[in-house]
Amino acid sequence: MSSLRRYLLAASCVLVCAVGIPHAFTTASAQATQTQAIWGCLPGASPNPCEGSLTTTYLSSTTIQPRRVNRVETPARRTERPVDCFYVYPTVVSEPRLNAGPYLTAEVQAILRYEAARFSQVCDVYAPIYRQVTALGLSNPTDLLAAIGGKDEAAPSVKIAYADVVAAWRDYLANHNRGRGVVLIGHSQGSGMLMRLIIDEIDRNPPVRAKVVSAILPGGNVVVERGGRTGDFANLPTCASKHETGCVIAWSTYASRPSSTAYFGRADSFLRRAGGIPDRPGTEAACVNPAELSGDGGRLEAFTRREPFPGLIGGVLRAMFYGFTPTASTPWVSPGERYRGSCVRSGRAHVLRIRPANAATVLPLEAPWPDWGLHFFDLNLALGNLLEIVDAQITSYSAAK
């Protein structure tokens, strides 16, 4: 059975059972066009899920030991934040239709806190709400027919989601940017949306491209020429130094050697084709190790939130940590588990493979099944490293400007 068919069959079983409505798809064409940007995080707005306390508990023990606190810290935010972060969230909405409504649901609020809020330490965060393809929509074989046929046209539900992201980006440039630099941040579906946005709106537009401090695109299957630094983007290479700007950081995380049916870290992914991003012969998935780029010698610095993540995604995250997700009394927690990562090639995949950094660390479970790897924790697993990198890039960008 092909990788695509396995994905659709398993996703349909899991997601439909979770939602409990087997045939409740709302057709993409039936949804109204979104004519203006709707912001989940907007500087100065209230409430703003991307602001709030950064106080963090650092654990010294792991899931197989009694949880002990090493220390509690409150990192300082940059006194001046001269750069913005434009964040597009991954697939989190589990509504029983193809495209999510344009609402700040509990799941969207949670992902804004989990992934985007920590970046407020170094930048002003803009995060649009978009009518993303829902978890259920991703399991609909009819709407993903473009992927089955290997065509280069996006699925209809993807077009709806992408149109919202484009509208938000243009609104940001016209009404909020004010000549500032910007870091693009995505994950999974969010990375896919930003990949398409870079291709269509940024890469070949020098005045706009000059604003890009960097693009962080985990779990999106960005490709480069084999052994090279460019591919999907002609003018935005992968980052070779944390002081380099105008570059891309992309990876997909696995705890074991990915099989021939792995979904991520591949240049021939049907997920790319479903998003309207064509295959590129002679390429491989980009793998930039944040833990090497940050100067931490491959040692990953993970951060996660204290509160459980809601919905189906929360269940997957709990499974990854064998039901013992890290917790603390502070909003943020650094797990006691310590990992090292390195980019490896395995078959057709090029991935960030992690291993334990000490004897007490147990690798997370690849969930919901091994082909996914550690996809749901891609960004948080390296969040501390990414903050170091972005902080250095902001300094370089400001000095050059």
Protein backbone atom coordinates (compact mmCIF):
# COMPACT_ATOMS: atom_id res chain seq x y z
CA MET A 1 0.00 0.00 0.00
CA SER A 2 1.41 3.42 -0.95
CA SER A 3 2.47 5.95 1.65
CA LEU A 4 -0.38 8.24 0.63
CA ARG A 5 -3.05 5.54 0.88
CA ARG A 6 -1.72 4.43 4.26
CA TYR A 7 -1.81 8.02 5.47
CA LEU A 8 -5.37 8.59 4.30
CA LEU A 9 -6.72 5.30 5.58
CA ALA A 10 -5.16 5.58 9.02
CA ALA A 11 -5.90 9.29 9.37
CA SER A 12 -9.54 8.72 8.38
CA CYS A 13 -9.94 5.98 10.99
CA VAL A 14 -8.28 7.95 13.77
CA LEU A 15 -9.76 11.34 13.05
CA VAL A 16 -13.29 10.32 12.14
CA CYS A 17 -13.56 8.18 15.26
CA ALA A 18 -12.19 11.03 17.36
CA VAL A 19 -14.68 13.52 15.95
CA GLY A 20 -17.48 11.01 15.81
CA ILE A 21 -19.14 12.34 12.63
CA PRO A 22 -18.26 10.11 9.67
CA HIS A 23 -19.56 12.21 6.79
CA ALA A 24 -19.82 15.75 8.15
CA PHE A 25 -17.55 17.38 5.55
CA THR A 26 -18.44 20.93 4.60
CA THR A 27 -17.40 21.53 1.00
CA ALA A 28 -14.70 24.11 0.51
CA SER A 29 -16.67 25.99 -2.13
CA ALA A 30 -19.56 26.51 0.28
CA GLN A 31 -17.47 28.68 2.59
CA ALA A 32 -17.51 32.44 2.19
CA THR A 33 -14.40 34.31 1.11
CA GLN A 34 -12.48 35.97 3.93
CA THR A 35 -11.91 39.57 2.85
CA GLN A 36 -9.78 40.94 5.70
CA ALA A 37 -7.11 39.72 8.05
CA ILE A 38 -8.17 38.32 11.41
CA TRP A 39 -5.42 38.31 14.00
CA GLY A 40 -4.95 35.78 16.78
CA CYS A 41 -1.91 37.66 18.07
CA LEU A 42 -1.50 41.36 17.37
CA PRO A 43 0.85 43.65 19.33
CA GLY A 44 -1.14 46.00 21.55
CA ALA A 45 -4.33 43.95 21.28
CA SER A 46 -6.07 42.45 24.28
CA PRO A 47 -6.31 39.57 24.86
CA ASN A 48 -3.08 38.49 23.21
CA PRO A 49 -2.11 34.80 23.60
CA CYS A 50 1.42 35.60 22.38
CA GLU A 51 2.22 37.82 25.37
CA GLY A 52 2.32 36.85 29.02
CA SER A 53 4.73 35.44 31.54
CA LEU A 54 7.85 33.62 30.33
CA THR A 55 8.69 32.21 33.76
CA THR A 56 10.11 28.72 33.31
CA THR A 57 10.72 25.74 35.56
CA TYR A 58 13.78 23.71 34.61
CA LEU A 59 13.38 20.09 35.65
CA SER A 60 16.36 17.98 36.63
CA SER A 61 14.60 14.63 36.34
CA THR A 62 12.80 12.69 33.63
CA THR A 63 9.66 10.65 33.02
CA ILE A 64 11.31 7.61 34.63
CA GLN A 65 12.37 9.55 37.74
CA PRO A 66 10.40 11.52 40.36
CA ARG A 67 9.99 15.02 38.96
CA ARG A 68 12.46 17.41 40.64
CA VAL A 69 12.94 21.13 40.06
CA ASN A 70 16.43 22.32 39.17
CA ARG A 71 15.68 26.05 39.04
CA VAL A 72 13.05 28.63 38.08
CA GLU A 73 13.94 31.54 35.80
CA THR A 74 12.17 34.46 34.17
CA PRO A 75 14.03 35.36 30.96
CA ALA A 76 14.16 39.03 30.08
CA ARG A 77 12.47 40.23 26.94
CA ARG A 78 14.52 42.37 24.61
CA THR A 79 14.30 46.00 25.77
CA GLU A 80 13.79 46.94 22.15
CA ARG A 81 12.21 44.49 19.74
CA PRO A 82 13.17 45.95 16.35
CA VAL A 83 11.93 42.94 14.39
CA ASP A 84 8.54 41.25 14.01
CA CYS A 85 7.69 37.56 13.87
CA PHE A 86 4.94 36.44 11.46
CA TYR A 87 3.71 33.04 12.66
CA VAL A 88 1.39 30.57 10.91
CA TYR A 89 0.25 27.68 13.09
CA PRO A 90 0.10 23.96 12.22
CA THR A 91 -2.94 21.71 11.89
CA VAL A 92 -4.73 21.83 15.23
CA VAL A 93 -8.43 22.34 14.50
CA SER A 94 -10.57 19.19 14.69
CA GLU A 95 -13.89 20.61 13.48
CA PRO A 96 -15.91 18.12 11.38
CA ARG A 97 -15.41 19.96 8.09
CA LEU A 98 -12.67 20.52 5.54
CA ASN A 99 -11.75 24.08 6.51
CA ALA A 100 -11.79 25.57 9.98
CA GLY A 101 -13.89 28.60 10.75
CA PRO A 102 -12.04 31.92 11.18
CA TYR A 103 -12.24 31.78 14.98
CA LEU A 104 -9.87 31.89 17.92
CA THR A 105 -10.82 28.42 19.17
CA ALA A 106 -9.36 26.78 22.27
CA GLU A 107 -7.03 24.75 20.04
CA VAL A 108 -5.79 27.83 18.18
CA GLN A 109 -5.26 29.75 21.43
CA ALA A 110 -3.32 26.79 22.80
CA ILE A 111 -0.96 26.52 19.82
CA LEU A 112 -0.33 30.27 19.89
CA ARG A 113 0.78 29.90 23.51
CA TYR A 114 2.73 26.68 22.91
CA GLU A 115 4.69 27.69 19.81
CA ALA A 116 4.47 31.43 19.14
CA ALA A 117 4.36 33.11 22.55
CA ARG A 118 7.94 32.28 23.50
CA PHE A 119 9.18 34.31 20.51
CA SER A 120 7.75 37.45 22.16
CA GLN A 121 11.01 37.35 24.13
CA VAL A 122 12.81 38.67 21.03
CA CYS A 123 10.20 40.03 18.58
CA ASP A 124 6.67 41.40 18.24
CA VAL A 125 4.49 38.47 17.19
CA TYR A 126 1.81 38.69 14.50
CA ALA A 127 -0.24 35.50 14.09
CA PRO A 128 -3.22 35.45 11.70
CA ILE A 129 -6.22 33.20 12.18
CA TYR A 130 -6.80 31.35 8.93
CA ARG A 131 -9.29 28.80 7.69
CA GLN A 132 -6.79 26.00 7.79
CA VAL A 133 -7.42 22.53 6.44
CA THR A 134 -8.69 20.72 9.52
CA ALA A 135 -7.35 17.45 10.87
CA LEU A 136 -10.42 15.77 9.40
CA GLY A 137 -9.97 17.59 6.10
CA LEU A 138 -6.45 16.21 5.76
CA SER A 139 -7.91 12.69 5.75
CA ASN A 140 -10.36 13.39 2.93
CA PRO A 141 -9.09 11.59 -0.21
CA THR A 142 -11.48 13.45 -2.54
CA ASP A 143 -10.15 16.87 -1.58
CA LEU A 144 -6.53 15.65 -1.77
CA LEU A 145 -6.95 14.22 -5.26
CA ALA A 146 -4.21 16.55 -6.50
CA ALA A 147 -1.73 14.70 -4.30
CA ILE A 148 -2.80 11.27 -5.56
CA GLY A 149 -2.35 12.31 -9.17
CA GLY A 150 0.96 14.03 -8.51
CA LYS A 151 -0.40 17.29 -9.92
CA ASP A 152 1.03 20.68 -9.04
CA GLU A 153 -2.29 22.31 -8.22
CA ALA A 154 -3.28 22.72 -4.60
CA ALA A 155 -6.34 20.97 -3.23
CA PRO A 156 -9.42 23.27 -3.01
CA SER A 157 -9.39 23.36 0.79
CA VAL A 158 -5.70 24.30 0.74
CA LYS A 159 -6.45 27.21 -1.61
CA ILE A 160 -8.95 28.59 0.90
CA ALA A 161 -6.46 28.36 3.76
CA TYR A 162 -3.64 29.88 1.71
CA ALA A 163 -5.77 32.80 0.53
CA ASP A 164 -6.28 33.80 4.17
CA VAL A 165 -2.54 33.67 4.87
CA VAL A 166 -1.81 35.83 1.82
CA ALA A 167 -4.46 38.35 2.89
CA ALA A 168 -2.92 38.54 6.37
CA TRP A 169 0.62 38.94 4.98
CA ARG A 170 -0.44 41.78 2.71
CA ASP A 171 -2.32 43.42 5.58
CA TYR A 172 0.77 43.10 7.76
CA LEU A 173 3.00 44.73 5.13
CA ALA A 174 0.55 47.53 4.41
CA ASN A 175 -0.56 48.39 7.94
CA HIS A 176 1.86 47.01 10.52
CA ASN A 177 5.38 46.46 9.18
CA ARG A 178 6.60 50.10 9.16
CA GLY A 179 9.90 49.14 7.51
CA ARG A 180 10.85 46.54 10.13
CA GLY A 181 12.52 43.20 9.58
CA VAL A 182 10.44 40.06 9.97
CA VAL A 183 11.05 36.44 10.95
CA LEU A 184 8.67 33.98 9.28
CA ILE A 185 7.75 31.08 11.58
CA GLY A 186 5.60 28.08 10.75
CA HIS A 187 5.17 24.43 11.55
CA SER A 188 3.63 21.60 9.55
CA GLN A 189 0.67 23.07 7.62
CA GLY A 190 1.85 26.51 8.72
CA SER A 191 5.27 25.83 7.18
CA GLY A 192 3.57 24.71 3.98
CA MET A 193 1.59 27.95 3.83
CA LEU A 194 4.74 30.01 4.34
CA MET A 195 6.66 28.00 1.74
CA ARG A 196 4.04 28.89 -0.84
CA LEU A 197 3.97 32.51 0.38
CA ILE A 198 7.75 32.81 -0.01
CA ILE A 199 7.60 31.37 -3.53
CA ASP A 200 4.70 33.61 -4.62
CA GLU A 201 5.21 36.84 -2.72
CA ILE A 202 8.76 37.13 -1.37
CA ASP A 203 11.57 35.20 -3.06
CA ARG A 204 11.55 37.15 -6.32
CA ASN A 205 10.47 40.48 -4.80
CA PRO A 206 13.73 42.18 -3.68
CA PRO A 207 12.18 44.99 -1.55
CA VAL A 208 10.05 42.50 0.39
CA ARG A 209 12.77 39.84 0.51
CA ALA A 210 15.11 42.39 2.09
CA LYS A 211 12.80 42.50 5.12
CA VAL A 212 13.20 38.76 5.83
CA VAL A 213 15.52 38.17 8.77
CA SER A 214 14.98 34.41 8.48
CA ALA A 215 12.31 31.78 7.89
CA ILE A 216 11.81 28.92 10.38
CA LEU A 217 9.91 26.13 8.61
CA PRO A 218 9.98 22.78 10.47
CA GLY A 219 7.86 19.85 9.32
CA GLY A 220 7.09 21.31 5.89
CA ASN A 221 9.44 19.31 3.63
CA VAL A 222 11.38 22.29 2.27
CA VAL A 223 13.77 20.98 -0.41
CA VAL A 224 17.22 22.01 -1.61
CA GLU A 225 19.52 20.69 -4.30
CA ARG A 226 21.38 17.64 -3.03
CA GLY A 227 24.30 18.94 -1.03
CA GLY A 228 23.25 22.54 -1.75
CA ARG A 229 21.51 25.38 0.08
CA THR A 230 18.84 26.51 -2.39
CA GLY A 231 15.95 24.71 -4.03
CA ASP A 232 12.36 25.77 -3.38
CA PHE A 233 13.65 29.31 -2.89
CA ALA A 234 16.17 30.72 -5.35
CA ASN A 235 17.24 33.66 -3.20
CA LEU A 236 16.78 32.42 0.38
CA PRO A 237 19.37 29.71 1.12
CA THR A 238 19.43 27.54 4.20
CA CYS A 239 21.21 29.18 7.15
CA ALA A 240 24.88 28.31 7.65
CA SER A 241 25.45 30.54 10.71
CA LYS A 242 23.29 32.02 13.44
CA HIS A 243 24.61 35.42 12.38
CA GLU A 244 23.43 34.97 8.78
CA THR A 245 20.17 36.64 7.73
CA GLY A 246 17.88 36.22 4.75
CA CYS A 247 18.04 32.44 5.16
CA VAL A 248 15.91 29.41 6.02
CA ILE A 249 15.94 26.92 8.91
CA ALA A 250 14.04 23.72 8.12
CA TRP A 251 14.04 20.18 9.53
CA SER A 252 11.84 17.22 10.48
CA THR A 253 12.51 15.23 13.64
CA TYR A 254 12.68 11.46 14.10
CA ALA A 255 13.71 9.34 17.08
CA SER A 256 14.46 6.29 14.90
CA ARG A 257 15.66 5.74 11.37
CA PRO A 258 12.78 6.79 9.09
CA SER A 259 11.29 4.07 6.92
CA SER A 260 10.60 4.24 3.18
CA THR A 261 7.04 5.35 4.00
CA ALA A 262 7.99 8.27 6.29
CA TYR A 263 5.90 11.40 5.73
CA PHE A 264 8.54 14.02 6.49
CA GLY A 265 12.09 14.80 5.51
CA ARG A 266 11.35 13.81 1.91
CA ALA A 267 11.50 15.69 -1.36
CA ASP A 268 8.85 13.47 -2.97
CA SER A 269 6.15 14.10 -0.36
CA PHE A 270 2.50 14.01 -1.40
CA LEU A 271 1.98 16.63 1.32
CA ARG A 272 3.95 19.10 -0.82
CA ARG A 273 1.89 18.32 -3.89
CA ALA A 274 -1.37 18.68 -1.97
CA GLY A 275 -0.22 22.20 -1.11
CA GLY A 276 0.47 23.02 -4.75
CA ILE A 277 4.27 22.89 -4.35
CA PRO A 278 5.71 20.80 -7.20
CA ASP A 279 8.31 18.07 -7.00
CA ARG A 280 11.82 19.19 -7.87
CA PRO A 281 14.06 16.47 -9.37
CA GLY A 282 17.57 16.27 -7.98
CA THR A 283 16.61 17.65 -4.58
CA GLU A 284 16.44 16.43 -1.01
CA ALA A 285 14.66 17.68 2.09
CA ALA A 286 16.53 20.46 3.86
CA CYS A 287 17.87 19.66 7.32
CA VAL A 288 19.33 22.53 9.34
CA ASN A 289 20.03 21.41 12.90
CA PRO A 290 18.98 24.26 15.25
CA ALA A 291 21.18 22.81 18.01
CA GLU A 292 24.28 23.06 15.80
CA LEU A 293 23.33 26.42 14.29
CA SER A 294 22.86 27.95 17.75
CA GLY A 295 26.35 26.85 18.80
CA ASP A 296 25.08 24.35 21.39
CA GLY A 297 27.02 21.43 19.92
CA GLY A 298 23.93 19.45 18.93
CA ARG A 299 22.29 19.72 22.35
CA LEU A 300 18.61 20.56 21.99
CA GLU A 301 16.89 22.89 24.45
CA ALA A 302 13.19 22.05 24.63
CA PHE A 303 10.43 24.20 26.10
CA THR A 304 6.78 23.35 26.48
CA ARG A 305 3.76 24.70 28.34
CA ARG A 306 2.50 23.69 31.75
CA GLU A 307 -1.13 23.21 30.71
CA PRO A 308 -2.23 20.16 28.70
CA PHE A 309 -2.92 20.78 25.02
CA PRO A 310 -6.62 20.32 24.22
CA GLY A 311 -8.24 18.00 21.71
CA LEU A 312 -6.81 15.32 19.47
CA ILE A 313 -3.35 16.91 19.24
CA GLY A 314 -3.13 16.92 23.03
CA GLY A 315 -3.75 13.18 23.01
CA VAL A 316 -0.91 12.64 20.55
CA LEU A 317 1.47 14.77 22.65
CA ARG A 318 0.58 12.79 25.77
CA ALA A 319 1.22 9.54 23.91
CA MET A 320 4.64 10.81 22.81
CA PHE A 321 5.62 11.18 26.46
CA TYR A 322 3.98 7.92 27.55
CA GLY A 323 1.25 9.85 29.37
CA PHE A 324 3.75 11.76 31.53
CA THR A 325 4.02 15.16 29.88
CA PRO A 326 6.30 17.59 31.75
CA THR A 327 4.45 19.87 34.16
CA ALA A 328 5.28 22.61 36.66
CA SER A 329 3.72 25.49 38.59
CA THR A 330 5.07 28.06 36.10
CA PRO A 331 3.63 28.79 32.61
CA TRP A 332 6.67 27.25 30.93
CA VAL A 333 8.64 24.10 31.65
CA SER A 334 11.95 22.75 30.36
CA PRO A 335 11.81 18.93 30.48
CA GLY A 336 14.45 17.01 32.37
CA GLU A 337 15.00 14.84 29.31
CA ARG A 338 18.10 15.91 27.35
CA TYR A 339 18.53 15.20 23.67
CA ARG A 340 21.18 15.63 21.02
CA GLY A 341 20.33 15.92 17.37
CA SER A 342 22.13 15.44 14.08
CA CYS A 343 21.03 15.50 10.45
CA VAL A 344 21.11 12.05 8.85
CA ARG A 345 20.16 10.59 5.48
CA SER A 346 18.19 7.37 5.43
CA GLY A 347 16.81 6.04 2.18
CA ARG A 348 14.92 8.92 0.60
CA ALA A 349 14.68 10.92 3.83
CA HIS A 350 16.94 13.63 5.28
CA VAL A 351 15.94 14.27 8.88
CA LEU A 352 17.03 15.56 12.26
CA ARG A 353 17.50 12.40 14.28
CA ILE A 354 17.65 12.73 18.04
CA ARG A 355 19.29 10.53 20.65
CA PRO A 356 19.48 10.64 24.46
CA ALA A 357 22.08 13.01 25.92
CA ASN A 358 22.18 11.19 29.27
CA ALA A 359 21.41 7.77 30.70
CA ALA A 360 18.12 8.85 32.31
CA THR A 361 16.56 10.12 29.09
CA VAL A 362 14.01 8.00 27.26
CA LEU A 363 13.29 8.97 23.67
CA PRO A 364 9.74 10.18 22.98
CA LEU A 365 7.38 7.77 21.26
CA GLU A 366 6.91 8.47 17.56
CA ALA A 367 3.17 9.15 17.41
CA PRO A 368 0.52 8.58 16.25
CA TRP A 369 2.68 5.99 14.40
CA PRO A 370 6.36 5.85 13.33
CA ASP A 371 5.91 7.39 9.86
CA TRP A 372 5.11 10.69 11.63
CA GLY A 373 8.33 10.73 13.64
CA LEU A 374 8.27 13.45 16.32
CA HIS A 375 6.42 15.81 14.00
CA PHE A 376 4.08 17.19 16.66
CA PHE A 377 7.02 18.32 18.81
CA ASP A 378 9.33 19.56 16.01
CA LEU A 379 9.36 23.20 17.06
CA ASN A 380 9.16 22.91 20.85
CA LEU A 381 11.98 20.38 20.89
CA ALA A 382 14.38 23.08 19.64
CA LEU A 383 12.60 26.20 20.91
CA GLY A 384 15.46 27.34 23.17
CA ASN A 385 17.99 26.97 20.35
CA LEU A 386 15.74 28.89 17.97
CA LEU A 387 15.47 31.80 20.39
CA GLU A 388 19.28 32.02 20.54
CA ILE A 389 19.47 31.96 16.75
CA VAL A 390 16.76 34.56 16.18
CA ASP A 391 18.29 36.86 18.81
CA ALA A 392 21.67 36.68 17.02
CA GLN A 393 20.04 37.19 13.61
CA ILE A 394 18.16 40.25 14.87
CA THR A 395 21.43 41.75 16.05
CA SER A 396 23.07 41.06 12.67
CA TYR A 397 20.09 42.38 10.73
CA SER A 398 19.88 45.57 12.79
CA ALA A 399 23.61 46.23 12.46
CA ALA A 400 23.53 45.75 8.68
CA LYS A 401 20.45 47.92 8.29
